Every structure is written in C-alpha cells, then in structure tokens.
Amino acid sequence: MSLLFRGIIWFGLYLLLVLLPLAVALVTGDGRTGIGLRDYAATALGITAFAVIIIEFGLVSRLHAASEPFGTDALMQFHRLMGMGALLMVALHALAYSLPHRSLQLLNPLDVESPAQSGAVALWLLAALVTVSVYRRRLRIPYEAWQVTHGAAAVTIVAAAFWHALQLGAFSAALGTCVLLTVYVAALALLMLRYRIIRPWLLRRRPWEVLDNRDEGASTRTLVLRPVGHRGFDYLPGQFAWISTARSPLSVSQHPLSMSSSAELGPDRSIEFSVKALGDWSANKVPALAAGDRVWVDGPYGAFTPDREPGMGFVMISGGSGIAPIRSMLLTLRDRADPRPVLLVHASNKPGRMAYLADLGRLQAEMNLRFIPVFESATAEIHCEQGYVTKELLARYLPTRRNDYQYFVCGPAAMMDSVELALTELGVAALRIHTERFDMV
C-alpha cells in the first residue's frame, strides 16, 4: 500500500473520529425539542471541539502507522493548527450561550456556583495552553518545563470538558452520546498509558551508552551512541529519534534529534546525533555526557528522507542545525557509492558558526557533491556566497532540469519559508520540495 493511499485513509479516519460524536448526538440526543438554531450550533461546536481535543493526543503519541505517511513534524504542525481551531470552537460555543443573556458570568472559572464552571475552566486553560505554546520562545519558557505543564494542562482540559458535557449537555446526556464520549476518554487513557508507561518501560530493556562526545565547534556537539545488549534500530537517512538523558526512560524530558550519521551502520551499529546548544539541556547537560553514560533512544521517526523520493539527483538546502539530517543523507549516499549528483547549499552567519564545514568540503572528493557555503559576511579564507539564500542565488546553481531532482530543505523557519517560495518561483514543483520543521526545542 502506497504512502499516499495510507495518508488518505488516515485523514479519512481523522475526519470520521472528529465528526462521529456530533452525528451520534444529533441522532440520539433527547434534548432536541424546544431548542433553536443557536443551541444546535453551540452544541455542534462544543462536541466537535471535544473530539478534536481528544484526537490531539493521538497526533503526538508517536504512532508509527499514523506518522509514517505524513512525517512527525507535519503531524505536530497539524496538531498546533487544530489546537487553535479547537480553542476557536470552544470560545464560540461559550459565547453562544453567554451573549444572549448579556452575562459573562458563565465564563468565570472561579464561580463555584456556576453550573458552567467546569466548561469555563476548560476554556481558559485551553486558551492559556495555546498561547503559551505559540509564544513559548518569546516568553522564554524552557522546553522541559513547557513539556511537563503542556501535558498536565491538556489532561485537565479533557477532564473538565468531559464533566461539563455530562453535566449540562442536553445532547451529550443522551445514552448513545454519553457512551461514545466515554469511549473516547477511555481510548485517550489507554493511549496515555502506552505513551507514558508501556513504551518507556520497554525502552528500559534497550539502553544505549555514549561512545564519544565530540565538540565540533559552532556550539555543536556530536553524540556517538551504541546500543547495549541489543541491535539498536535501522533507520532511513534524514530520520530522527527522541533522546532522554535521564536516569530512566520514564522521564517526561525527551528531545527530538536527527540522526546525523550514515544509515549504513557499522559493526557496532552506533549512530550519531548532532546537538546544537539552543537551550538548557543542549547547552548544559549534553556537554557533560561522558563515555559510558547511559541514555535512552526512541526511534526512528520521520518521513524527511531521500529514500522515499526517487529522482535524478538531489538539491539540499540547510541552515544552522538543519545540517544534521542533511549530513546523514550525504554520508549515506557516499557509503552506498550512489553516483547521482547532489547540490548542497548550507548557510550560516560566519565560518566559525558552521558545523562540519571542513568535513562537507572533503565530501566533494568522495562523492558526486557540489557544496556551496553561504555566509552573511564575506570571508577571504573560503570560496563562498555572501548574504542569504535568495531566489537569485539559487538560480545560479540549480540544475537545468529542475523537476528531475528532489529538494530537501531544513533550517530556521524564516529561511525555510523564503527558500520554499523561491524554489516554486523558479519552477520547482511543490511535490518535489520536502521540508522538516521542529519548532519545539
């Protein structure tokens, strides 16, 4: 079964699960008599939002079958978008009941005498959750703290919304709807059990140890990890894994890192991860790891890989820490003696801030690679492009038969947006442009 067909099936299942509670409520609800169109609309918004919030957990629970057709980063972007959509639906649901009575008391989460208090708690907690997630970097909230509070807030929102629906919902109080919503909550509990307990517990039997912790300069370190007592895992170039350096894999502190080594594994089946100092964990805990230290690795994940995208050759465009999955792709193509041409455009503000600069230069003698470094300021030491990765710069280097190539773009969000636009304006088909976006760490 092709990935496209599987993606269509999963998206159809998503729509079914979102709309099923509403359909059941309309068919079995015993509160239909005597209510107007406004109440119907408000009920539809509330029940649909509840289903969306429940399924949000499934989008980020690392289900391989669901993430493989889309890529984990795409599911996370969709998760964020639908979280905003759920907030909008819940807000409209609340206002539909409050404004006709010209009273906002129903929106007060501190009013213990209000019959809608649990709904108000869910509304404002969801608003806080979405706001903090969108502006976490600006608020300077550490990733680890956000990860813990985000999960706890999400579970609290579901509990408050479920109680609100059973308490006040004319439709959701009906037996059919009540049973279905209970099934959704039970499925969420099982999903959380698998995600937080069962899977981490199984990882305890598959530890990894640090073989080396190299300082590559440019605030980047290469962690070399080896499986202990097991074979590790095979992966495709460009994929990533979740890393935990806590004493136990049951810890909620986990970080997504792209494998930066070749997917053609050696006898010890060790793998490498490139870690750029972007937060407390990467700047403080990673440099302190020593040979022999135990870590936990959950992978592989992701669909950002040339192995699934046939083409005459590849164009890879990266910036900053985006070089990690690109490096894995390059080393894998080299180790496979793949003769197809590769153009690499890698950007940084200056040579001292570009990890693996010398290694990338040497790769040109080992494979069919053309490497174009791009620095914001000129340097006399290295032949490079100056400025930013613009449409004009790309036009000078892209192959003539552009749609015979596959394009992989990874780097800062603003850079990726501009590069995607530039590529499409230069005639590259959107289906040939592949990106990976992780706005978490």
Protein backbone atom coordinates (compact mmCIF):
# COMPACT_ATOMS: atom_id res chain seq x y z
CA MET A 1 0.00 0.00 0.00
CA SER A 2 1.48 3.36 -1.05
CA LEU A 3 2.18 6.10 1.48
CA LEU A 4 -0.23 8.41 -0.38
CA PHE A 5 -3.08 5.91 -0.13
CA ARG A 6 -2.30 5.27 3.53
CA GLY A 7 -2.27 9.02 4.15
CA ILE A 8 -5.72 9.36 2.57
CA ILE A 9 -7.04 6.54 4.75
CA TRP A 10 -5.63 8.10 7.93
CA PHE A 11 -7.01 11.54 7.07
CA GLY A 12 -10.42 9.99 6.36
CA LEU A 13 -10.26 8.22 9.73
CA TYR A 14 -9.40 11.53 11.39
CA LEU A 15 -12.46 13.23 9.90
CA LEU A 16 -14.65 10.27 10.90
CA LEU A 17 -13.47 10.37 14.51
CA VAL A 18 -13.94 14.15 14.71
CA LEU A 19 -17.48 14.13 13.31
CA LEU A 20 -18.79 10.85 14.78
CA PRO A 21 -19.74 12.24 18.23
CA LEU A 22 -21.70 15.07 16.61
CA ALA A 23 -23.52 12.65 14.30
CA VAL A 24 -24.41 10.36 17.20
CA ALA A 25 -25.53 13.33 19.30
CA LEU A 26 -27.88 14.58 16.59
CA VAL A 27 -29.37 11.14 16.07
CA THR A 28 -29.75 10.02 19.69
CA GLY A 29 -29.95 13.30 21.61
CA ASP A 30 -33.10 13.70 23.69
CA GLY A 31 -32.68 17.44 24.09
CA ARG A 32 -33.65 18.36 20.55
CA THR A 33 -37.17 19.51 21.35
CA GLY A 34 -37.64 23.19 22.04
CA ILE A 35 -34.16 24.44 21.22
CA GLY A 36 -33.28 26.85 18.48
CA LEU A 37 -30.70 27.03 15.77
CA ARG A 38 -28.27 28.86 18.06
CA ASP A 39 -28.32 25.99 20.55
CA TYR A 40 -27.80 23.47 17.78
CA ALA A 41 -24.80 25.43 16.52
CA ALA A 42 -23.35 25.89 20.01
CA THR A 43 -23.77 22.17 20.75
CA ALA A 44 -22.16 21.21 17.45
CA LEU A 45 -19.17 23.43 18.20
CA GLY A 46 -18.75 22.06 21.72
CA ILE A 47 -18.98 18.37 20.84
CA THR A 48 -16.75 18.72 17.79
CA ALA A 49 -14.16 20.65 19.80
CA PHE A 50 -14.17 17.91 22.43
CA ALA A 51 -13.48 15.26 19.77
CA VAL A 52 -10.68 17.38 18.26
CA ILE A 53 -9.04 17.83 21.67
CA ILE A 54 -9.16 14.07 22.37
CA ILE A 55 -7.61 13.24 18.99
CA GLU A 56 -4.89 15.85 19.55
CA PHE A 57 -3.26 13.32 21.88
CA GLY A 58 -3.17 10.75 19.09
CA LEU A 59 -1.38 13.15 16.74
CA VAL A 60 1.64 13.39 19.06
CA SER A 61 1.67 9.91 20.61
CA ARG A 62 4.32 8.51 18.23
CA LEU A 63 2.11 6.02 16.41
CA HIS A 64 4.35 4.84 13.56
CA ALA A 65 1.46 3.79 11.30
CA ALA A 66 -0.14 7.24 11.55
CA SER A 67 3.02 9.35 11.30
CA GLU A 68 4.79 7.46 8.51
CA PRO A 69 2.70 8.81 5.58
CA PHE A 70 2.98 12.44 6.73
CA GLY A 71 6.09 12.78 8.88
CA THR A 72 6.08 13.53 12.59
CA ASP A 73 6.87 17.21 12.07
CA ALA A 74 3.83 17.57 9.77
CA LEU A 75 1.62 15.94 12.38
CA MET A 76 2.95 18.34 15.00
CA GLN A 77 2.21 21.32 12.79
CA PHE A 78 -1.30 19.94 12.22
CA HIS A 79 -1.59 19.36 15.98
CA ARG A 80 -0.82 23.02 16.62
CA LEU A 81 -3.27 24.20 13.94
CA MET A 82 -6.10 22.02 15.24
CA GLY A 83 -5.37 23.15 18.80
CA MET A 84 -6.04 26.71 17.67
CA GLY A 85 -9.16 25.52 15.86
CA ALA A 86 -10.41 23.76 18.99
CA LEU A 87 -9.89 26.95 21.02
CA LEU A 88 -11.92 28.94 18.49
CA MET A 89 -14.75 26.40 18.58
CA VAL A 90 -14.82 26.31 22.39
CA ALA A 91 -14.81 30.11 22.59
CA LEU A 92 -17.70 30.40 20.11
CA HIS A 93 -19.55 27.65 21.99
CA ALA A 94 -19.25 29.60 25.25
CA LEU A 95 -20.16 32.95 23.73
CA ALA A 96 -23.21 31.47 22.02
CA TYR A 97 -24.67 30.71 25.44
CA SER A 98 -23.37 33.79 27.28
CA LEU A 99 -24.09 36.71 24.96
CA PRO A 100 -27.88 36.21 24.54
CA HIS A 101 -28.21 36.51 28.32
CA ARG A 102 -25.93 39.56 28.35
CA SER A 103 -23.90 37.94 31.07
CA LEU A 104 -20.33 36.73 31.02
CA GLN A 105 -20.67 35.07 34.41
CA LEU A 106 -20.78 31.71 32.66
CA LEU A 107 -17.20 32.36 31.54
CA ASN A 108 -15.90 32.81 35.09
CA PRO A 109 -13.84 29.72 36.06
CA LEU A 110 -13.75 30.85 39.72
CA ASP A 111 -17.52 30.94 40.19
CA VAL A 112 -18.17 27.74 42.15
CA GLU A 113 -21.93 28.30 41.99
CA SER A 114 -21.98 28.48 38.20
CA PRO A 115 -23.26 25.30 36.52
CA ALA A 116 -20.80 26.00 33.70
CA GLN A 117 -17.70 26.34 35.90
CA SER A 118 -16.00 23.20 34.53
CA GLY A 119 -16.59 24.45 30.99
CA ALA A 120 -15.09 27.83 31.88
CA VAL A 121 -12.05 26.08 33.37
CA ALA A 122 -11.58 24.12 30.14
CA LEU A 123 -11.96 27.28 28.02
CA TRP A 124 -9.41 29.44 29.85
CA LEU A 125 -6.97 26.61 30.39
CA LEU A 126 -7.11 25.82 26.67
CA ALA A 127 -6.57 29.50 25.86
CA ALA A 128 -3.52 29.57 28.14
CA LEU A 129 -2.17 26.31 26.68
CA VAL A 130 -2.43 27.54 23.09
CA THR A 131 -1.00 30.97 23.91
CA VAL A 132 2.00 29.58 25.79
CA SER A 133 2.68 27.02 23.03
CA VAL A 134 2.68 29.68 20.31
CA TYR A 135 4.73 32.25 22.23
CA ARG A 136 6.92 29.94 24.35
CA ARG A 137 10.17 31.22 22.87
CA ARG A 138 9.22 34.86 23.38
CA LEU A 139 8.13 34.09 26.93
CA ARG A 140 11.49 32.30 27.44
CA ILE A 141 9.86 29.22 28.93
CA PRO A 142 12.28 26.26 28.98
CA TYR A 143 11.30 23.37 26.72
CA GLU A 144 11.39 20.86 29.60
CA ALA A 145 9.06 22.94 31.79
CA TRP A 146 6.70 23.53 28.88
CA GLN A 147 6.65 19.83 28.03
CA VAL A 148 5.51 18.86 31.53
CA THR A 149 2.93 21.64 32.00
CA HIS A 150 1.57 21.23 28.47
CA GLY A 151 0.72 17.58 29.07
CA ALA A 152 -0.77 18.19 32.51
CA ALA A 153 -2.89 21.08 31.24
CA ALA A 154 -4.16 19.04 28.29
CA VAL A 155 -5.33 16.19 30.55
CA THR A 156 -7.04 18.69 32.87
CA ILE A 157 -8.82 20.29 29.90
CA VAL A 158 -10.20 16.91 28.79
CA ALA A 159 -11.40 16.09 32.32
CA ALA A 160 -13.10 19.48 32.76
CA ALA A 161 -14.71 19.39 29.32
CA PHE A 162 -15.95 15.82 29.81
CA TRP A 163 -17.55 16.71 33.16
CA HIS A 164 -19.08 19.83 31.60
CA ALA A 165 -20.58 17.81 28.74
CA LEU A 166 -22.11 15.21 31.07
CA GLN A 167 -23.37 17.87 33.47
CA LEU A 168 -25.02 20.34 31.12
CA GLY A 169 -25.18 18.88 27.62
CA ALA A 170 -28.70 18.14 26.51
CA PHE A 171 -27.33 16.06 23.65
CA SER A 172 -24.32 14.54 25.43
CA ALA A 173 -26.53 13.42 28.33
CA ALA A 174 -28.28 11.00 25.97
CA LEU A 175 -27.15 7.41 26.41
CA GLY A 176 -25.65 6.98 22.94
CA THR A 177 -23.61 10.18 23.05
CA CYS A 178 -22.59 9.64 26.67
CA VAL A 179 -21.30 6.15 25.90
CA LEU A 180 -19.37 7.35 22.85
CA LEU A 181 -17.73 10.25 24.70
CA THR A 182 -16.79 7.83 27.48
CA VAL A 183 -15.23 5.53 24.90
CA TYR A 184 -13.20 8.47 23.57
CA VAL A 185 -11.94 9.30 27.05
CA ALA A 186 -11.13 5.63 27.72
CA ALA A 187 -9.22 5.43 24.43
CA LEU A 188 -7.28 8.52 25.49
CA ALA A 189 -6.43 6.88 28.82
CA LEU A 190 -5.13 3.77 27.01
CA LEU A 191 -3.15 5.96 24.62
CA MET A 192 -1.58 7.83 27.52
CA LEU A 193 -0.80 4.53 29.26
CA ARG A 194 1.00 3.27 26.17
CA TYR A 195 2.79 6.56 25.56
CA ARG A 196 3.86 7.40 29.13
CA ILE A 197 4.22 3.99 30.77
CA ILE A 198 4.33 0.96 28.48
CA ARG A 199 6.61 2.27 25.74
CA PRO A 200 9.14 3.88 28.13
CA TRP A 201 9.11 0.71 30.24
CA LEU A 202 10.01 -1.36 27.18
CA LEU A 203 12.85 1.07 26.43
CA ARG A 204 14.42 0.13 29.77
CA ARG A 205 15.42 -3.15 28.15
CA ARG A 206 17.13 -1.31 25.29
CA PRO A 207 19.68 1.10 26.80
CA TRP A 208 22.35 2.97 24.85
CA GLU A 209 25.71 4.24 26.00
CA VAL A 210 27.82 7.19 25.00
CA LEU A 211 30.89 6.20 22.98
CA ASP A 212 32.08 9.71 22.27
CA ASN A 213 31.01 13.30 22.77
CA ARG A 214 32.86 15.45 20.25
CA ASP A 215 32.97 19.22 20.23
CA GLU A 216 32.54 20.22 16.58
CA GLY A 217 32.76 23.95 17.24
CA ALA A 218 29.98 26.30 16.22
CA SER A 219 28.18 25.46 19.53
CA THR A 220 27.61 21.95 18.18
CA ARG A 221 28.46 18.56 19.64
CA THR A 222 28.31 15.11 18.07
CA LEU A 223 27.00 12.39 20.35
CA VAL A 224 28.08 8.90 19.31
CA LEU A 225 25.80 6.27 20.88
CA ARG A 226 26.00 2.49 20.85
CA PRO A 227 23.22 0.01 21.71
CA VAL A 228 23.87 -2.09 24.81
CA GLY A 229 22.61 -5.68 24.73
CA HIS A 230 20.50 -5.21 21.61
CA ARG A 231 20.87 -4.39 17.90
CA GLY A 232 19.57 -0.84 18.09
CA PHE A 233 17.49 0.01 15.06
CA ASP A 234 17.77 0.60 11.34
CA TYR A 235 16.75 3.99 10.02
CA LEU A 236 16.48 5.97 6.82
CA PRO A 237 18.81 8.92 6.22
CA GLY A 238 17.15 12.09 7.48
CA GLN A 239 15.03 10.47 10.17
CA PHE A 240 15.15 11.40 13.87
CA ALA A 241 14.73 9.89 17.33
CA TRP A 242 13.71 11.06 20.80
CA ILE A 243 16.62 11.19 23.25
CA SER A 244 16.45 11.11 27.04
CA THR A 245 19.50 11.53 29.27
CA ALA A 246 17.52 11.00 32.48
CA ARG A 247 18.14 8.04 34.77
CA SER A 248 15.01 6.31 33.49
CA PRO A 249 13.15 6.37 30.15
CA LEU A 250 10.00 7.01 32.19
CA SER A 251 11.13 10.63 32.47
CA VAL A 252 9.00 13.10 30.51
CA SER A 253 12.12 15.02 29.49
CA GLN A 254 12.81 13.87 25.93
CA HIS A 255 14.27 15.73 22.97
CA PRO A 256 13.89 15.17 19.20
CA LEU A 257 17.25 14.91 17.41
CA SER A 258 18.02 13.96 13.82
CA MET A 259 20.49 11.19 13.23
CA SER A 260 23.49 12.83 11.56
CA SER A 261 25.43 9.67 10.71
CA SER A 262 25.18 7.33 7.75
CA ALA A 263 22.21 4.96 7.69
CA GLU A 264 24.65 2.28 6.51
CA LEU A 265 25.52 1.10 10.00
CA GLY A 266 28.89 -0.30 11.01
CA PRO A 267 29.58 -3.50 13.03
CA ASP A 268 28.92 -1.82 16.39
CA ARG A 269 25.68 -0.30 15.00
CA SER A 270 26.50 3.03 16.61
CA ILE A 271 24.70 6.18 15.49
CA GLU A 272 25.50 9.87 15.75
CA PHE A 273 23.40 12.86 16.71
CA SER A 274 24.34 16.49 16.17
CA VAL A 275 23.27 18.70 19.07
CA LYS A 276 23.39 22.48 18.80
CA ALA A 277 23.30 24.50 22.02
CA LEU A 278 19.82 26.02 21.81
CA GLY A 279 18.51 25.53 25.35
CA ASP A 280 19.34 24.40 28.88
CA TRP A 281 19.52 20.69 28.02
CA SER A 282 21.60 21.06 24.85
CA ALA A 283 23.88 23.74 26.30
CA ASN A 284 24.46 22.27 29.76
CA LYS A 285 23.55 18.58 30.04
CA VAL A 286 24.77 17.35 26.66
CA PRO A 287 28.34 18.70 27.03
CA ALA A 288 28.56 16.95 30.43
CA LEU A 289 27.85 13.49 28.98
CA ALA A 290 30.90 11.21 29.14
CA ALA A 291 31.83 7.91 27.55
CA GLY A 292 29.92 5.09 29.24
CA ASP A 293 26.94 7.20 30.32
CA ARG A 294 23.54 5.61 29.70
CA VAL A 295 20.94 7.30 27.52
CA TRP A 296 17.60 6.23 26.07
CA VAL A 297 16.73 6.40 22.38
CA ASP A 298 13.21 6.05 20.96
CA GLY A 299 13.17 5.88 17.18
CA PRO A 300 13.27 6.09 14.30
CA TYR A 301 10.61 8.61 13.25
CA GLY A 302 10.06 10.99 10.37
CA ALA A 303 9.45 10.98 6.61
CA PHE A 304 12.16 13.51 5.68
CA THR A 305 14.35 11.16 3.66
CA PRO A 306 15.56 10.76 0.07
CA ASP A 307 14.97 7.01 0.25
CA ARG A 308 11.27 7.57 -0.43
CA GLU A 309 11.72 10.17 -3.15
CA PRO A 310 13.17 8.85 -6.43
CA GLY A 311 14.94 11.40 -8.60
CA MET A 312 17.83 12.02 -10.95
CA GLY A 313 19.64 13.81 -8.11
CA PHE A 314 19.17 15.90 -5.02
CA VAL A 315 19.31 19.56 -4.01
CA MET A 316 19.80 20.05 -0.28
CA ILE A 317 19.42 23.47 1.33
CA SER A 318 20.09 23.91 5.02
CA GLY A 319 20.91 26.45 7.67
CA GLY A 320 22.22 26.16 11.22
CA SER A 321 21.27 22.91 12.97
CA GLY A 322 19.36 21.86 9.84
CA ILE A 323 22.62 20.32 8.65
CA ALA A 324 22.08 17.26 10.92
CA PRO A 325 19.60 15.30 8.75
CA ILE A 326 21.32 16.58 5.59
CA ARG A 327 24.65 15.22 6.82
CA SER A 328 23.03 11.82 7.34
CA MET A 329 21.73 11.89 3.77
CA LEU A 330 25.14 12.84 2.36
CA LEU A 331 27.07 10.23 4.30
CA THR A 332 24.57 7.54 3.35
CA LEU A 333 24.78 8.41 -0.36
CA ARG A 334 28.57 8.30 -0.08
CA ASP A 335 28.62 4.95 1.68
CA ARG A 336 26.28 3.49 -0.93
CA ALA A 337 28.51 4.79 -3.72
CA ASP A 338 25.43 6.50 -5.16
CA PRO A 339 26.52 8.25 -8.39
CA ARG A 340 23.63 10.73 -8.55
CA PRO A 341 24.60 14.41 -8.31
CA VAL A 342 23.95 16.37 -5.13
CA LEU A 343 23.95 20.14 -4.69
CA LEU A 344 24.31 21.31 -1.09
CA VAL A 345 23.66 24.95 -0.19
CA HIS A 346 24.37 25.45 3.51
CA ALA A 347 24.07 28.82 5.24
CA SER A 348 25.44 30.36 8.42
CA ASN A 349 26.31 33.83 9.60
CA LYS A 350 30.09 33.17 9.50
CA PRO A 351 32.53 30.25 9.04
CA GLY A 352 33.09 29.82 12.77
CA ARG A 353 29.37 29.21 13.24
CA MET A 354 29.10 26.49 10.57
CA ALA A 355 29.41 22.97 11.97
CA TYR A 356 31.14 20.33 9.82
CA LEU A 357 32.45 22.95 7.40
CA ALA A 358 35.73 21.12 6.68
CA ASP A 359 34.01 17.72 6.53
CA LEU A 360 31.48 18.97 3.99
CA GLY A 361 34.29 20.32 1.86
CA ARG A 362 36.11 16.98 1.92
CA LEU A 363 32.96 15.10 0.94
CA GLN A 364 33.18 16.69 -2.51
CA ALA A 365 36.15 14.41 -3.27
CA GLU A 366 34.32 11.31 -2.02
CA MET A 367 31.01 11.58 -3.85
CA ASN A 368 29.23 13.49 -6.62
CA LEU A 369 28.68 16.58 -4.46
CA ARG A 370 28.88 20.31 -5.06
CA PHE A 371 29.00 22.26 -1.82
CA ILE A 372 28.09 25.97 -1.74
CA PRO A 373 28.64 27.59 1.68
CA VAL A 374 26.74 30.82 2.23
CA PHE A 375 27.80 33.35 4.88
CA GLU A 376 26.17 36.62 5.83
CA SER A 377 29.52 38.42 5.73
CA ALA A 378 32.35 37.88 3.25
CA THR A 379 35.43 35.87 4.11
CA ALA A 380 38.74 35.70 2.25
CA GLU A 381 39.53 32.25 3.64
CA ILE A 382 36.79 30.24 1.91
CA HIS A 383 35.25 30.37 -1.52
CA CYS A 384 31.61 31.05 -0.70
CA GLU A 385 28.49 33.04 -1.45
CA GLN A 386 27.81 36.13 0.61
CA GLY A 387 24.45 37.15 2.02
CA TYR A 388 21.38 34.95 2.29
CA VAL A 389 19.91 32.01 0.38
CA THR A 390 17.82 34.01 -2.09
CA LYS A 391 16.00 33.24 -5.29
CA GLU A 392 18.82 34.87 -7.26
CA LEU A 393 21.47 32.78 -5.51
CA LEU A 394 19.57 29.54 -6.11
CA ALA A 395 19.00 30.41 -9.76
CA ARG A 396 22.77 30.43 -10.28
CA TYR A 397 23.24 26.88 -9.04
CA LEU A 398 20.06 24.88 -9.57
CA PRO A 399 20.20 22.21 -12.29
CA THR A 400 18.65 22.94 -15.68
CA ARG A 401 16.14 20.08 -15.47
CA ARG A 402 14.93 21.17 -12.08
CA ASN A 403 11.95 18.88 -11.74
CA ASP A 404 14.09 15.79 -12.24
CA TYR A 405 15.62 16.46 -8.80
CA GLN A 406 14.29 16.13 -5.27
CA TYR A 407 14.71 19.10 -2.90
CA PHE A 408 15.30 18.83 0.85
CA VAL A 409 15.14 21.98 2.97
CA CYS A 410 15.88 22.17 6.70
CA GLY A 411 16.82 25.13 8.88
CA PRO A 412 15.32 28.14 10.67
CA ALA A 413 11.62 28.66 9.94
CA ALA A 414 12.05 32.05 8.23
CA MET A 415 14.76 30.68 5.96
CA MET A 416 12.67 27.65 5.03
CA ASP A 417 9.67 29.81 4.17
CA SER A 418 11.72 32.03 1.86
CA VAL A 419 13.51 29.07 0.24
CA GLU A 420 10.25 27.23 -0.45
CA LEU A 421 8.81 30.34 -2.07
CA ALA A 422 11.98 30.90 -4.11
CA LEU A 423 12.01 27.30 -5.36
CA THR A 424 8.39 27.44 -6.51
CA GLU A 425 9.03 30.75 -8.27
CA LEU A 426 11.95 29.10 -10.03
CA GLY A 427 9.66 26.42 -11.42
CA VAL A 428 10.20 23.59 -8.93
CA ALA A 429 7.04 21.54 -8.39
CA ALA A 430 5.73 21.70 -4.83
CA LEU A 431 5.63 17.89 -4.61
CA ARG A 432 9.40 17.80 -5.09
CA ILE A 433 10.11 20.13 -2.16
CA HIS A 434 10.47 18.33 1.19
CA THR A 435 10.90 20.12 4.49
CA GLU A 436 11.24 19.28 8.15
CA ARG A 437 10.12 21.75 10.79
CA PHE A 438 10.58 21.22 14.51
CA ASP A 439 9.62 24.33 16.47
CA MET A 440 9.93 22.76 19.90
CA VAL A 441 13.43 22.99 21.33
